[in-house]
Amino acid sequence: METLGNRLRMFRNEKHMTLDDVAKAIGVSRQTIQRYETGVIPNIPPDKISKLASLFNTTTDYLITGENTVTSDPEFHMLQRTYEKMSSKDKKNLMIILRASFNKYFDDNIDDNEQHKE
């Protein structure tokens, strides 16, 4: 079974990075990266998942689930990483701006309040 740890190890090896390289890039110890990869630390903090996804040029969804459910468009990934870094207030403000500017692209069947509960 493919796990988050396996995917992290796969990306690290594909990029020819050491545990130390990855640790320095996301601001943790070498041992922490090793524990992420072996599953000793199964619940990786969201900010670290986001940094790992950015480092490996993938999505947080793919790291967590192993499923490629979104586009490989680099601009989409940049937008997603930016959104993940925003506060709840900033996310809400962004949605107001997007709806005002691009309402024709939104699915009105989705309740925005449900999407932004945190």
Protein backbone atom coordinates (compact mmCIF):
# COMPACT_ATOMS: atom_id res chain seq x y z
CA MET A 1 0.00 0.00 0.00
CA GLU A 2 1.35 3.40 -0.97
CA THR A 3 1.51 5.80 1.95
CA LEU A 4 2.28 9.46 2.42
CA GLY A 5 5.71 8.45 3.68
CA ASN A 6 6.33 6.34 0.57
CA ARG A 7 5.36 9.26 -1.66
CA LEU A 8 7.69 11.59 0.23
CA ARG A 9 10.56 9.13 -0.15
CA MET A 10 9.75 8.68 -3.85
CA PHE A 11 9.82 12.43 -4.50
CA ARG A 12 12.98 12.89 -2.46
CA ASN A 13 14.75 10.13 -4.38
CA GLU A 14 13.50 11.45 -7.75
CA LYS A 15 14.97 14.85 -6.92
CA HIS A 16 18.21 13.23 -5.67
CA MET A 17 17.78 14.94 -2.32
CA THR A 18 19.03 13.72 1.03
CA LEU A 19 17.01 13.70 4.23
CA ASP A 20 19.11 16.70 5.28
CA ASP A 21 18.28 18.58 2.05
CA VAL A 22 14.56 18.17 2.58
CA ALA A 23 14.81 18.95 6.29
CA LYS A 24 16.62 22.24 5.62
CA ALA A 25 14.17 23.18 2.87
CA ILE A 26 11.11 22.91 5.12
CA GLY A 27 12.67 23.85 8.47
CA VAL A 28 12.70 20.58 10.40
CA SER A 29 15.34 18.08 11.49
CA ARG A 30 16.67 15.18 9.44
CA GLN A 31 15.09 12.81 11.97
CA THR A 32 11.68 14.42 11.46
CA ILE A 33 11.83 13.79 7.70
CA GLN A 34 12.86 10.21 8.38
CA ARG A 35 9.92 9.83 10.76
CA TYR A 36 7.55 11.30 8.16
CA GLU A 37 8.80 8.78 5.60
CA THR A 38 8.58 5.78 7.93
CA GLY A 39 5.18 6.75 9.31
CA VAL A 40 6.39 7.23 12.88
CA ILE A 41 4.90 10.73 12.57
CA PRO A 42 1.67 10.03 10.66
CA ASN A 43 0.03 13.45 11.08
CA ILE A 44 2.33 15.91 9.39
CA PRO A 45 1.42 19.52 10.19
CA PRO A 46 -0.43 21.28 7.34
CA ASP A 47 2.25 23.96 6.95
CA LYS A 48 4.89 21.24 6.47
CA ILE A 49 2.69 19.37 3.96
CA SER A 50 2.34 22.62 2.01
CA LYS A 51 6.11 23.20 2.05
CA LEU A 52 6.77 19.61 0.95
CA ALA A 53 4.27 19.92 -1.90
CA SER A 54 5.92 23.13 -3.04
CA LEU A 55 9.39 21.62 -2.77
CA PHE A 56 8.38 18.58 -4.81
CA ASN A 57 6.23 20.59 -7.26
CA THR A 58 3.08 18.62 -6.52
CA THR A 59 -0.18 19.22 -4.69
CA THR A 60 -0.97 18.68 -1.06
CA ASP A 61 -3.84 16.46 -2.21
CA TYR A 62 -1.48 14.16 -4.06
CA LEU A 63 0.92 13.94 -1.12
CA ILE A 64 -1.90 13.06 1.26
CA THR A 65 -4.10 10.81 -0.91
CA GLY A 66 -1.86 9.68 -3.74
CA GLU A 67 -4.55 10.69 -6.22
CA ASN A 68 -3.97 13.12 -9.06
CA THR A 69 -7.31 14.86 -9.02
CA VAL A 70 -6.20 18.26 -10.25
CA THR A 71 -4.40 19.75 -13.18
CA SER A 72 -0.64 19.72 -13.59
CA ASP A 73 -0.75 23.39 -14.62
CA PRO A 74 2.05 25.17 -12.68
CA GLU A 75 -0.03 28.35 -12.34
CA PHE A 76 -2.82 26.35 -10.71
CA HIS A 77 -0.33 24.89 -8.25
CA MET A 78 1.01 28.36 -7.44
CA LEU A 79 -2.52 29.60 -6.79
CA GLN A 80 -3.28 26.58 -4.62
CA ARG A 81 -0.12 27.00 -2.53
CA THR A 82 -0.89 30.71 -2.10
CA TYR A 83 -4.46 29.94 -1.02
CA GLU A 84 -3.24 27.36 1.50
CA LYS A 85 -1.05 30.01 3.15
CA MET A 86 -3.91 32.51 3.57
CA SER A 87 -5.77 33.22 6.77
CA SER A 88 -9.49 32.41 6.92
CA LYS A 89 -10.29 36.11 6.58
CA ASP A 90 -8.10 36.45 3.47
CA LYS A 91 -9.67 33.34 1.93
CA LYS A 92 -13.14 34.78 2.47
CA ASN A 93 -12.09 38.12 0.94
CA LEU A 94 -10.55 36.35 -2.04
CA MET A 95 -13.79 34.45 -2.67
CA ILE A 96 -15.74 37.73 -2.61
CA ILE A 97 -13.36 39.22 -5.19
CA LEU A 98 -13.43 36.11 -7.38
CA ARG A 99 -17.22 35.89 -7.32
CA ALA A 100 -17.53 39.57 -8.19
CA SER A 101 -15.08 39.24 -11.08
CA PHE A 102 -15.74 35.72 -12.37
CA ASN A 103 -19.22 34.76 -11.20
CA LYS A 104 -20.07 33.00 -14.46
CA TYR A 105 -17.51 30.27 -13.63
CA PHE A 106 -18.90 29.44 -10.18
CA ASP A 107 -21.24 26.54 -9.53
CA ASP A 108 -24.13 28.13 -7.68
CA ASN A 109 -25.11 24.76 -6.21
CA ILE A 110 -22.19 24.92 -3.81
CA ASP A 111 -22.72 26.75 -0.55
CA ASP A 112 -19.63 28.95 -0.03
CA ASN A 113 -20.23 29.03 3.71
CA GLU A 114 -19.83 25.25 3.87
CA GLN A 115 -16.58 25.39 1.91
CA HIS A 116 -14.95 27.87 4.25
CA LYS A 117 -15.82 26.52 7.68
CA GLU A 118 -12.62 25.98 9.65
